[in-house]
PDB file of N, CA and C in Angstrom:
ATOM      1  N   UNK A   1      66.300   6.379  -2.054  1.00  0.00           N
ATOM      2  CA  UNK A   1      64.925   6.024  -1.825  1.00  0.00           C
ATOM      3  C   UNK A   1      64.425   5.269  -3.055  1.00  0.00           C
ATOM      4  N   UNK A   2      63.617   4.269  -2.837  1.00  0.00           N
ATOM      5  CA  UNK A   2      63.012   3.535  -3.947  1.00  0.00           C
ATOM      6  C   UNK A   2      61.512   3.765  -3.927  1.00  0.00           C
ATOM      7  N   UNK A   3      61.035   4.382  -4.977  1.00  0.00           N
ATOM      8  CA  UNK A   3      59.606   4.672  -5.096  1.00  0.00           C
ATOM      9  C   UNK A   3      58.912   3.616  -5.931  1.00  0.00           C
ATOM     10  N   UNK A   4      57.617   3.485  -5.739  1.00  0.00           N
ATOM     11  CA  UNK A   4      56.772   2.754  -6.684  1.00  0.00           C
ATOM     12  C   UNK A   4      56.237   3.838  -7.611  1.00  0.00           C
ATOM     13  N   UNK A   5      56.635   3.792  -8.877  1.00  0.00           N
ATOM     14  CA  UNK A   5      56.371   4.878  -9.822  1.00  0.00           C
ATOM     15  C   UNK A   5      55.433   4.390 -10.926  1.00  0.00           C
ATOM     16  N   UNK A   6      54.428   5.198 -11.271  1.00  0.00           N
ATOM     17  CA  UNK A   6      53.558   4.807 -12.389  1.00  0.00           C
ATOM     18  C   UNK A   6      54.244   5.044 -13.725  1.00  0.00           C
ATOM     19  N   UNK A   7      53.986   4.134 -14.648  1.00  0.00           N
ATOM     20  CA  UNK A   7      54.559   4.263 -15.981  1.00  0.00           C
ATOM     21  C   UNK A   7      53.608   3.711 -17.027  1.00  0.00           C
ATOM     22  N   UNK A   8      53.805   4.158 -18.273  1.00  0.00           N
ATOM     23  CA  UNK A   8      52.968   3.736 -19.404  1.00  0.00           C
ATOM     24  C   UNK A   8      53.734   2.725 -20.243  1.00  0.00           C
ATOM     25  N   UNK A   9      53.095   1.617 -20.546  1.00  0.00           N
ATOM     26  CA  UNK A   9      53.710   0.544 -21.317  1.00  0.00           C
ATOM     27  C   UNK A   9      53.813   0.973 -22.782  1.00  0.00           C
ATOM     28  N   UNK A  10      55.034   0.955 -23.305  1.00  0.00           N
ATOM     29  CA  UNK A  10      55.288   1.313 -24.702  1.00  0.00           C
ATOM     30  C   UNK A  10      55.388   0.076 -25.588  1.00  0.00           C
ATOM     31  N   UNK A  11      55.870  -1.004 -25.031  1.00  0.00           N
ATOM     32  CA  UNK A  11      56.040  -2.234 -25.803  1.00  0.00           C
ATOM     33  C   UNK A  11      56.148  -3.421 -24.885  1.00  0.00           C
ATOM     34  N   UNK A  12      55.752  -4.596 -25.383  1.00  0.00           N
ATOM     35  CA  UNK A  12      55.803  -5.834 -24.606  1.00  0.00           C
ATOM     36  C   UNK A  12      56.468  -6.906 -25.454  1.00  0.00           C
ATOM     37  N   UNK A  13      57.314  -7.708 -24.816  1.00  0.00           N
ATOM     38  CA  UNK A  13      57.948  -8.828 -25.511  1.00  0.00           C
ATOM     39  C   UNK A  13      58.275  -9.922 -24.503  1.00  0.00           C
ATOM     40  N   UNK A  14      58.491 -11.104 -25.019  1.00  0.00           N
ATOM     41  CA  UNK A  14      58.924 -12.206 -24.175  1.00  0.00           C
ATOM     42  C   UNK A  14      60.418 -12.384 -24.376  1.00  0.00           C
ATOM     43  N   UNK A  15      61.126 -12.458 -23.261  1.00  0.00           N
ATOM     44  CA  UNK A  15      62.573 -12.598 -23.314  1.00  0.00           C
ATOM     45  C   UNK A  15      62.997 -13.754 -22.413  1.00  0.00           C
ATOM     46  N   UNK A  16      63.529 -14.794 -23.013  1.00  0.00           N
ATOM     47  CA  UNK A  16      63.971 -15.975 -22.260  1.00  0.00           C
ATOM     48  C   UNK A  16      62.867 -16.520 -21.358  1.00  0.00           C
ATOM     49  N   UNK A  17      61.641 -16.535 -21.868  1.00  0.00           N
ATOM     50  CA  UNK A  17      60.517 -17.074 -21.119  1.00  0.00           C
ATOM     51  C   UNK A  17      59.901 -16.119 -20.116  1.00  0.00           C
ATOM     52  N   UNK A  18      60.378 -14.873 -20.077  1.00  0.00           N
ATOM     53  CA  UNK A  18      59.847 -13.869 -19.149  1.00  0.00           C
ATOM     54  C   UNK A  18      59.220 -12.737 -19.938  1.00  0.00           C
ATOM     55  N   UNK A  19      58.006 -12.380 -19.575  1.00  0.00           N
ATOM     56  CA  UNK A  19      57.313 -11.277 -20.244  1.00  0.00           C
ATOM     57  C   UNK A  19      57.870  -9.956 -19.714  1.00  0.00           C
ATOM     58  N   UNK A  20      58.376  -9.134 -20.633  1.00  0.00           N
ATOM     59  CA  UNK A  20      59.005  -7.861 -20.275  1.00  0.00           C
ATOM     60  C   UNK A  20      58.316  -6.730 -21.017  1.00  0.00           C
ATOM     61  N   UNK A  21      58.424  -5.526 -20.467  1.00  0.00           N
ATOM     62  CA  UNK A  21      57.836  -4.347 -21.097  1.00  0.00           C
ATOM     63  C   UNK A  21      58.835  -3.206 -21.099  1.00  0.00           C
ATOM     64  N   UNK A  22      58.713  -2.369 -22.112  1.00  0.00           N
ATOM     65  CA  UNK A  22      59.404  -1.089 -22.131  1.00  0.00           C
ATOM     66  C   UNK A  22      58.397  -0.090 -21.598  1.00  0.00           C
ATOM     67  N   UNK A  23      58.767   0.637 -20.533  1.00  0.00           N
ATOM     68  CA  UNK A  23      57.819   1.500 -19.831  1.00  0.00           C
ATOM     69  C   UNK A  23      58.377   2.921 -19.760  1.00  0.00           C
ATOM     70  N   UNK A  24      57.489   3.888 -20.009  1.00  0.00           N
ATOM     71  CA  UNK A  24      57.832   5.317 -19.963  1.00  0.00           C
ATOM     72  C   UNK A  24      57.368   5.892 -18.636  1.00  0.00           C
ATOM     73  N   UNK A  25      58.307   6.435 -17.870  1.00  0.00           N
ATOM     74  CA  UNK A  25      58.023   7.069 -16.587  1.00  0.00           C
ATOM     75  C   UNK A  25      58.182   8.577 -16.738  1.00  0.00           C
ATOM     76  N   UNK A  26      57.288   9.204 -17.451  1.00  0.00           N
ATOM     77  CA  UNK A  26      57.368  10.655 -17.622  1.00  0.00           C
ATOM     78  C   UNK A  26      58.611  11.099 -18.361  1.00  0.00           C
ATOM     79  N   UNK A  27      59.025  10.338 -19.366  1.00  0.00           N
ATOM     80  CA  UNK A  27      60.194  10.707 -20.161  1.00  0.00           C
ATOM     81  C   UNK A  27      61.397   9.821 -19.931  1.00  0.00           C
ATOM     82  N   UNK A  28      61.409   9.069 -18.869  1.00  0.00           N
ATOM     83  CA  UNK A  28      62.477   8.114 -18.593  1.00  0.00           C
ATOM     84  C   UNK A  28      61.952   6.734 -18.967  1.00  0.00           C
ATOM     85  N   UNK A  29      62.655   6.039 -19.848  1.00  0.00           N
ATOM     86  CA  UNK A  29      62.201   4.732 -20.335  1.00  0.00           C
ATOM     87  C   UNK A  29      63.077   3.633 -19.732  1.00  0.00           C
ATOM     88  N   UNK A  30      62.415   2.621 -19.167  1.00  0.00           N
ATOM     89  CA  UNK A  30      63.115   1.510 -18.523  1.00  0.00           C
ATOM     90  C   UNK A  30      62.470   0.191 -18.925  1.00  0.00           C
ATOM     91  N   UNK A  31      63.225  -0.892 -18.750  1.00  0.00           N
ATOM     92  CA  UNK A  31      62.708  -2.241 -18.951  1.00  0.00           C
ATOM     93  C   UNK A  31      62.111  -2.732 -17.638  1.00  0.00           C
ATOM     94  N   UNK A  32      60.938  -3.387 -17.727  1.00  0.00           N
ATOM     95  CA  UNK A  32      60.195  -3.802 -16.544  1.00  0.00           C
ATOM     96  C   UNK A  32      59.714  -5.238 -16.722  1.00  0.00           C
ATOM     97  N   UNK A  33      59.764  -6.003 -15.660  1.00  0.00           N
ATOM     98  CA  UNK A  33      59.271  -7.378 -15.666  1.00  0.00           C
ATOM     99  C   UNK A  33      57.759  -7.384 -15.431  1.00  0.00           C
ATOM    100  N   UNK A  34      57.034  -8.192 -16.231  1.00  0.00           N
ATOM    101  CA  UNK A  34      55.576  -8.271 -16.131  1.00  0.00           C
ATOM    102  C   UNK A  34      55.094  -9.566 -15.478  1.00  0.00           C
ATOM    103  N   UNK A  35      55.927 -10.249 -14.749  1.00  0.00           N
ATOM    104  CA  UNK A  35      55.533 -11.526 -14.146  1.00  0.00           C
ATOM    105  C   UNK A  35      54.324 -11.397 -13.221  1.00  0.00           C
ATOM    106  N   UNK A  36      54.169 -10.275 -12.529  1.00  0.00           N
ATOM    107  CA  UNK A  36      53.027 -10.089 -11.624  1.00  0.00           C
ATOM    108  C   UNK A  36      51.787  -9.583 -12.357  1.00  0.00           C
ATOM    109  N   UNK A  37      51.951  -9.026 -13.535  1.00  0.00           N
ATOM    110  CA  UNK A  37      50.834  -8.539 -14.364  1.00  0.00           C
ATOM    111  C   UNK A  37      51.017  -9.039 -15.798  1.00  0.00           C
ATOM    112  N   UNK A  38      50.933 -10.336 -16.025  1.00  0.00           N
ATOM    113  CA  UNK A  38      51.246 -10.888 -17.339  1.00  0.00           C
ATOM    114  C   UNK A  38      50.318 -10.438 -18.463  1.00  0.00           C
ATOM    115  N   UNK A  39      49.117  -9.946 -18.130  1.00  0.00           N
ATOM    116  CA  UNK A  39      48.183  -9.510 -19.169  1.00  0.00           C
ATOM    117  C   UNK A  39      48.220  -8.008 -19.426  1.00  0.00           C
ATOM    118  N   UNK A  40      49.191  -7.292 -18.850  1.00  0.00           N
ATOM    119  CA  UNK A  40      49.330  -5.856 -19.092  1.00  0.00           C
ATOM    120  C   UNK A  40      49.652  -5.625 -20.562  1.00  0.00           C
ATOM    121  N   UNK A  41      49.006  -4.617 -21.162  1.00  0.00           N
ATOM    122  CA  UNK A  41      49.157  -4.377 -22.603  1.00  0.00           C
ATOM    123  C   UNK A  41      49.719  -2.991 -22.887  1.00  0.00           C
ATOM    124  N   UNK A  42      50.183  -2.830 -24.112  1.00  0.00           N
ATOM    125  CA  UNK A  42      50.702  -1.541 -24.591  1.00  0.00           C
ATOM    126  C   UNK A  42      49.617  -0.478 -24.392  1.00  0.00           C
ATOM    127  N   UNK A  43      50.034   0.672 -23.862  1.00  0.00           N
ATOM    128  CA  UNK A  43      49.126   1.789 -23.625  1.00  0.00           C
ATOM    129  C   UNK A  43      48.566   1.829 -22.218  1.00  0.00           C
ATOM    130  N   UNK A  44      48.655   0.727 -21.493  1.00  0.00           N
ATOM    131  CA  UNK A  44      48.155   0.707 -20.123  1.00  0.00           C
ATOM    132  C   UNK A  44      49.221   1.252 -19.170  1.00  0.00           C
ATOM    133  N   UNK A  45      48.772   1.603 -17.975  1.00  0.00           N
ATOM    134  CA  UNK A  45      49.659   2.133 -16.935  1.00  0.00           C
ATOM    135  C   UNK A  45      49.759   1.138 -15.792  1.00  0.00           C
ATOM    136  N   UNK A  46      50.915   1.117 -15.155  1.00  0.00           N
ATOM    137  CA  UNK A  46      51.126   0.246 -14.000  1.00  0.00           C
ATOM    138  C   UNK A  46      52.035   0.951 -13.007  1.00  0.00           C
ATOM    139  N   UNK A  47      51.896   0.564 -11.760  1.00  0.00           N
ATOM    140  CA  UNK A  47      52.825   1.011 -10.732  1.00  0.00           C
ATOM    141  C   UNK A  47      53.994   0.030 -10.756  1.00  0.00           C
ATOM    142  N   UNK A  48      55.209   0.568 -10.819  1.00  0.00           N
ATOM    143  CA  UNK A  48      56.411  -0.261 -10.930  1.00  0.00           C
ATOM    144  C   UNK A  48      57.310   0.018  -9.735  1.00  0.00           C
ATOM    145  N   UNK A  49      57.812  -1.066  -9.161  1.00  0.00           N
ATOM    146  CA  UNK A  49      58.751  -0.946  -8.043  1.00  0.00           C
ATOM    147  C   UNK A  49      59.888  -1.921  -8.276  1.00  0.00           C
ATOM    148  N   UNK A  50      61.095  -1.450  -8.154  1.00  0.00           N
ATOM    149  CA  UNK A  50      62.332  -2.207  -8.374  1.00  0.00           C
ATOM    150  C   UNK A  50      62.269  -3.100  -9.610  1.00  0.00           C
ATOM    151  N   UNK A  51      61.731  -2.543 -10.701  1.00  0.00           N
ATOM    152  CA  UNK A  51      61.743  -3.236 -11.975  1.00  0.00           C
ATOM    153  C   UNK A  51      60.608  -4.205 -12.218  1.00  0.00           C
ATOM    154  N   UNK A  52      59.624  -4.257 -11.319  1.00  0.00           N
ATOM    155  CA  UNK A  52      58.474  -5.141 -11.474  1.00  0.00           C
ATOM    156  C   UNK A  52      57.180  -4.330 -11.520  1.00  0.00           C
ATOM    157  N   UNK A  53      56.351  -4.591 -12.534  1.00  0.00           N
ATOM    158  CA  UNK A  53      55.015  -3.997 -12.592  1.00  0.00           C
ATOM    159  C   UNK A  53      54.175  -4.709 -11.544  1.00  0.00           C
ATOM    160  N   UNK A  54      53.601  -3.942 -10.617  1.00  0.00           N
ATOM    161  CA  UNK A  54      52.896  -4.547  -9.490  1.00  0.00           C
ATOM    162  C   UNK A  54      51.383  -4.404  -9.548  1.00  0.00           C
ATOM    163  N   UNK A  55      50.914  -3.288 -10.118  1.00  0.00           N
ATOM    164  CA  UNK A  55      49.472  -3.037 -10.113  1.00  0.00           C
ATOM    165  C   UNK A  55      49.097  -2.137 -11.278  1.00  0.00           C
ATOM    166  N   UNK A  56      47.976  -2.453 -11.918  1.00  0.00           N
ATOM    167  CA  UNK A  56      47.430  -1.622 -12.986  1.00  0.00           C
ATOM    168  C   UNK A  56      46.944  -0.303 -12.382  1.00  0.00           C
ATOM    169  N   UNK A  57      47.017   0.755 -13.179  1.00  0.00           N
ATOM    170  CA  UNK A  57      46.627   2.082 -12.714  1.00  0.00           C
ATOM    171  C   UNK A  57      45.944   2.813 -13.850  1.00  0.00           C
ATOM    172  N   UNK A  58      44.908   3.590 -13.529  1.00  0.00           N
ATOM    173  CA  UNK A  58      44.250   4.355 -14.591  1.00  0.00           C
ATOM    174  C   UNK A  58      45.126   5.538 -14.999  1.00  0.00           C
ATOM    175  N   UNK A  59      44.913   6.016 -16.218  1.00  0.00           N
ATOM    176  CA  UNK A  59      45.774   7.056 -16.795  1.00  0.00           C
ATOM    177  C   UNK A  59      45.771   8.346 -15.972  1.00  0.00           C
ATOM    178  N   UNK A  60      44.618   8.781 -15.511  1.00  0.00           N
ATOM    179  CA  UNK A  60      44.536  10.037 -14.752  1.00  0.00           C
ATOM    180  C   UNK A  60      45.351   9.957 -13.456  1.00  0.00           C
ATOM    181  N   UNK A  61      45.207   8.864 -12.736  1.00  0.00           N
ATOM    182  CA  UNK A  61      45.973   8.695 -11.493  1.00  0.00           C
ATOM    183  C   UNK A  61      47.471   8.661 -11.783  1.00  0.00           C
ATOM    184  N   UNK A  62      47.850   7.971 -12.848  1.00  0.00           N
ATOM    185  CA  UNK A  62      49.262   7.886 -13.221  1.00  0.00           C
ATOM    186  C   UNK A  62      49.813   9.273 -13.539  1.00  0.00           C
ATOM    187  N   UNK A  63      49.083  10.036 -14.344  1.00  0.00           N
ATOM    188  CA  UNK A  63      49.560  11.382 -14.715  1.00  0.00           C
ATOM    189  C   UNK A  63      49.669  12.307 -13.509  1.00  0.00           C
ATOM    190  N   UNK A  64      48.683  12.267 -12.621  1.00  0.00           N
ATOM    191  CA  UNK A  64      48.736  13.114 -11.420  1.00  0.00           C
ATOM    192  C   UNK A  64      49.927  12.744 -10.545  1.00  0.00           C
ATOM    193  N   UNK A  65      50.151  11.453 -10.378  1.00  0.00           N
ATOM    194  CA  UNK A  65      51.268  11.000  -9.541  1.00  0.00           C
ATOM    195  C   UNK A  65      52.611  11.387 -10.154  1.00  0.00           C
ATOM    196  N   UNK A  66      52.766  11.177 -11.463  1.00  0.00           N
ATOM    197  CA  UNK A  66      54.014  11.560 -12.133  1.00  0.00           C
ATOM    198  C   UNK A  66      54.260  13.059 -12.022  1.00  0.00           C
ATOM    199  N   UNK A  67      53.202  13.849 -12.174  1.00  0.00           N
ATOM    200  CA  UNK A  67      53.344  15.312 -12.050  1.00  0.00           C
ATOM    201  C   UNK A  67      53.776  15.696 -10.639  1.00  0.00           C
ATOM    202  N   UNK A  68      53.174  15.077  -9.643  1.00  0.00           N
ATOM    203  CA  UNK A  68      53.545  15.346  -8.254  1.00  0.00           C
ATOM    204  C   UNK A  68      55.003  14.959  -7.997  1.00  0.00           C
ATOM    205  N   UNK A  69      55.394  13.762  -8.424  1.00  0.00           N
ATOM    206  CA  UNK A  69      56.777  13.329  -8.238  1.00  0.00           C
ATOM    207  C   UNK A  69      57.742  14.279  -8.934  1.00  0.00           C
ATOM    208  N   UNK A  70      57.386  14.718 -10.148  1.00  0.00           N
ATOM    209  CA  UNK A  70      58.246  15.644 -10.893  1.00  0.00           C
ATOM    210  C   UNK A  70      58.391  16.970 -10.143  1.00  0.00           C
ATOM    211  N   UNK A  71      57.276  17.505  -9.652  1.00  0.00           N
ATOM    212  CA  UNK A  71      57.304  18.780  -8.922  1.00  0.00           C
ATOM    213  C   UNK A  71      58.131  18.687  -7.644  1.00  0.00           C
ATOM    214  N   UNK A  72      58.139  17.525  -7.029  1.00  0.00           N
ATOM    215  CA  UNK A  72      58.906  17.331  -5.797  1.00  0.00           C
ATOM    216  C   UNK A  72      60.364  16.941  -6.059  1.00  0.00           C
ATOM    217  N   UNK A  73      60.707  16.759  -7.341  1.00  0.00           N
ATOM    218  CA  UNK A  73      62.067  16.378  -7.695  1.00  0.00           C
ATOM    219  C   UNK A  73      62.353  14.904  -7.452  1.00  0.00           C
ATOM    220  N   UNK A  74      61.317  14.127  -7.214  1.00  0.00           N
ATOM    221  CA  UNK A  74      61.512  12.727  -6.880  1.00  0.00           C
ATOM    222  C   UNK A  74      61.823  11.872  -8.101  1.00  0.00           C
ATOM    223  N   UNK A  75      61.365  12.272  -9.283  1.00  0.00           N
ATOM    224  CA  UNK A  75      61.692  11.499 -10.480  1.00  0.00           C
ATOM    225  C   UNK A  75      63.179  11.598 -10.781  1.00  0.00           C
ATOM    226  N   UNK A  76      63.739  12.789 -10.653  1.00  0.00           N
ATOM    227  CA  UNK A  76      65.176  12.964 -10.885  1.00  0.00           C
ATOM    228  C   UNK A  76      65.965  12.170  -9.852  1.00  0.00           C
ATOM    229  N   UNK A  77      65.481  12.198  -8.613  1.00  0.00           N
ATOM    230  CA  UNK A  77      66.150  11.444  -7.551  1.00  0.00           C
ATOM    231  C   UNK A  77      66.103   9.947  -7.840  1.00  0.00           C
ATOM    232  N   UNK A  78      64.953   9.471  -8.315  1.00  0.00           N
ATOM    233  CA  UNK A  78      64.775   8.044  -8.577  1.00  0.00           C
ATOM    234  C   UNK A  78      65.472   7.594  -9.854  1.00  0.00           C
ATOM    235  N   UNK A  79      65.388   8.405 -10.928  1.00  0.00           N
ATOM    236  CA  UNK A  79      65.868   7.979 -12.235  1.00  0.00           C
ATOM    237  C   UNK A  79      67.066   8.756 -12.741  1.00  0.00           C
ATOM    238  N   UNK A  80      67.516   9.761 -11.990  1.00  0.00           N
ATOM    239  CA  UNK A  80      68.618  10.587 -12.465  1.00  0.00           C
ATOM    240  C   UNK A  80      69.880   9.781 -12.688  1.00  0.00           C
ATOM    241  N   UNK A  81      70.777  10.334 -13.446  1.00  0.00           N
ATOM    242  CA  UNK A  81      72.052   9.698 -13.752  1.00  0.00           C
ATOM    243  C   UNK A  81      72.934   9.713 -12.499  1.00  0.00           C
ATOM    244  N   UNK A  82      73.267   8.546 -11.939  1.00  0.00           N
ATOM    245  CA  UNK A  82      74.062   8.530 -10.707  1.00  0.00           C
ATOM    246  C   UNK A  82      75.449   9.135 -10.885  1.00  0.00           C
ATOM    247  N   UNK A  83      76.030   9.007 -12.078  1.00  0.00           N
ATOM    248  CA  UNK A  83      77.347   9.589 -12.320  1.00  0.00           C
ATOM    249  C   UNK A  83      77.270  11.102 -12.315  1.00  0.00           C
ATOM    250  N   UNK A  84      76.180  11.636 -12.856  1.00  0.00           N
ATOM    251  CA  UNK A  84      75.990  13.085 -12.845  1.00  0.00           C
ATOM    252  C   UNK A  84      75.812  13.584 -11.414  1.00  0.00           C
ATOM    253  N   UNK A  85      75.080  12.843 -10.604  1.00  0.00           N
ATOM    254  CA  UNK A  85      74.872  13.230  -9.209  1.00  0.00           C
ATOM    255  C   UNK A  85      76.191  13.266  -8.451  1.00  0.00           C
ATOM    256  N   UNK A  86      77.041  12.270  -8.662  1.00  0.00           N
ATOM    257  CA  UNK A  86      78.345  12.226  -7.999  1.00  0.00           C
ATOM    258  C   UNK A  86      79.205  13.404  -8.448  1.00  0.00           C
ATOM    259  N   UNK A  87      79.177  13.710  -9.729  1.00  0.00           N
ATOM    260  CA  UNK A  87      79.961  14.839 -10.248  1.00  0.00           C
ATOM    261  C   UNK A  87      79.529  16.139  -9.585  1.00  0.00           C
ATOM    262  N   UNK A  88      78.222  16.333  -9.406  1.00  0.00           N
ATOM    263  CA  UNK A  88      77.738  17.551  -8.756  1.00  0.00           C
ATOM    264  C   UNK A  88      78.163  17.602  -7.287  1.00  0.00           C
ATOM    265  N   UNK A  89      78.134  16.455  -6.607  1.00  0.00           N
ATOM    266  CA  UNK A  89      78.582  16.422  -5.216  1.00  0.00           C
ATOM    267  C   UNK A  89      80.056  16.765  -5.110  1.00  0.00           C
ATOM    268  N   UNK A  90      80.865  16.177  -5.983  1.00  0.00           N
ATOM    269  CA  UNK A  90      82.300  16.454  -5.965  1.00  0.00           C
ATOM    270  C   UNK A  90      82.571  17.926  -6.247  1.00  0.00           C
ATOM    271  N   UNK A  91      81.824  18.488  -7.192  1.00  0.00           N
ATOM    272  CA  UNK A  91      82.013  19.901  -7.527  1.00  0.00           C
ATOM    273  C   UNK A  91      81.625  20.789  -6.348  1.00  0.00           C
ATOM    274  N   UNK A  92      80.546  20.440  -5.647  1.00  0.00           N
ATOM    275  CA  UNK A  92      80.093  21.237  -4.508  1.00  0.00           C
ATOM    276  C   UNK A  92      81.090  21.173  -3.351  1.00  0.00           C
ATOM    277  N   UNK A  93      81.831  20.067  -3.250  1.00  0.00           N
ATOM    278  CA  UNK A  93      82.782  19.905  -2.152  1.00  0.00           C
ATOM    279  C   UNK A  93      84.159  20.472  -2.470  1.00  0.00           C
ATOM    280  N   UNK A  94      84.421  20.792  -3.740  1.00  0.00           N
ATOM    281  CA  UNK A  94      85.719  21.304  -4.149  1.00  0.00           C
ATOM    282  C   UNK A  94      85.906  22.723  -3.589  1.00  0.00           C
ATOM    283  N   UNK A  95      87.061  23.015  -2.993  1.00  0.00           N
ATOM    284  CA  UNK A  95      87.287  24.365  -2.461  1.00  0.00           C
ATOM    285  C   UNK A  95      87.271  25.432  -3.560  1.00  0.00           C
ATOM    286  N   UNK A  96      86.731  26.570  -3.224  1.00  0.00           N
ATOM    287  CA  UNK A  96      86.711  27.698  -4.155  1.00  0.00           C
ATOM    288  C   UNK A  96      87.957  28.544  -3.925  1.00  0.00           C
ATOM    289  N   UNK A  97      88.031  29.673  -4.574  1.00  0.00           N
ATOM    290  CA  UNK A  97      89.200  30.545  -4.448  1.00  0.00           C
ATOM    291  C   UNK A  97      89.374  31.052  -3.023  1.00  0.00           C
ATOM    292  N   UNK A  98      88.244  31.168  -2.295  1.00  0.00           N
ATOM    293  CA  UNK A  98      88.367  31.649  -0.912  1.00  0.00           C
ATOM    294  C   UNK A  98      88.600  30.505   0.080  1.00  0.00           C
ATOM    295  N   UNK A  99      88.751  29.248  -0.443  1.00  0.00           N
ATOM    296  CA  UNK A  99      89.065  28.118   0.405  1.00  0.00           C
ATOM    297  C   UNK A  99      87.856  27.426   1.007  1.00  0.00           C
ATOM    298  N   UNK A 100      86.671  27.911   0.692  1.00  0.00           N
ATOM    299  CA  UNK A 100      85.451  27.321   1.234  1.00  0.00           C
ATOM    300  C   UNK A 100      84.821  26.436   0.156  1.00  0.00           C
ATOM    301  N   UNK A 101      84.351  25.272   0.583  1.00  0.00           N
ATOM    302  CA  UNK A 101      83.703  24.371  -0.368  1.00  0.00           C
ATOM    303  C   UNK A 101      82.429  25.023  -0.883  1.00  0.00           C
ATOM    304  N   UNK A 102      82.146  24.795  -2.126  1.00  0.00           N
ATOM    305  CA  UNK A 102      80.943  25.355  -2.735  1.00  0.00           C
ATOM    306  C   UNK A 102      81.081  25.333  -4.239  1.00  0.00           C
ATOM    307  N   UNK A 103      80.352  26.183  -4.891  1.00  0.00           N
ATOM    308  CA  UNK A 103      80.416  26.252  -6.355  1.00  0.00           C
ATOM    309  C   UNK A 103      81.814  26.656  -6.800  1.00  0.00           C
ATOM    310  N   UNK A 104      82.257  26.037  -7.832  1.00  0.00           N
ATOM    311  CA  UNK A 104      83.576  26.337  -8.392  1.00  0.00           C
ATOM    312  C   UNK A 104      83.523  27.686  -9.110  1.00  0.00           C
ATOM    313  N   UNK A 105      84.483  28.509  -8.835  1.00  0.00           N
ATOM    314  CA  UNK A 105      84.571  29.817  -9.494  1.00  0.00           C
ATOM    315  C   UNK A 105      85.188  29.624 -10.875  1.00  0.00           C
ATOM    316  N   UNK A 106      84.519  30.095 -11.898  1.00  0.00           N
ATOM    317  CA  UNK A 106      85.036  29.941 -13.266  1.00  0.00           C
ATOM    318  C   UNK A 106      85.226  31.267 -13.909  1.00  0.00           C
TER     319      UNK A 106
END
């Protein structure tokens, strides 16, 4: 699933003629393109979808949304480490001592 997630701008720079930002999504930091919001500044919040800042957002709305996404596990789903997710799936499918797939007996 791809969410539009609110994030706080930590830094802004121009890279190869494109305005880019470093954005914090509740502890996960990603690079974001500012082409749709070229005047977005450090400290402001924006809704980001597939790497593009799409709309400015006030801090309270951003914090409430991030908290809701976190409580629902959607931030981990959106930003979690895909290799870690695959490892957990493989571990869950590995047969246990009784021959049934599930948690590995250690």
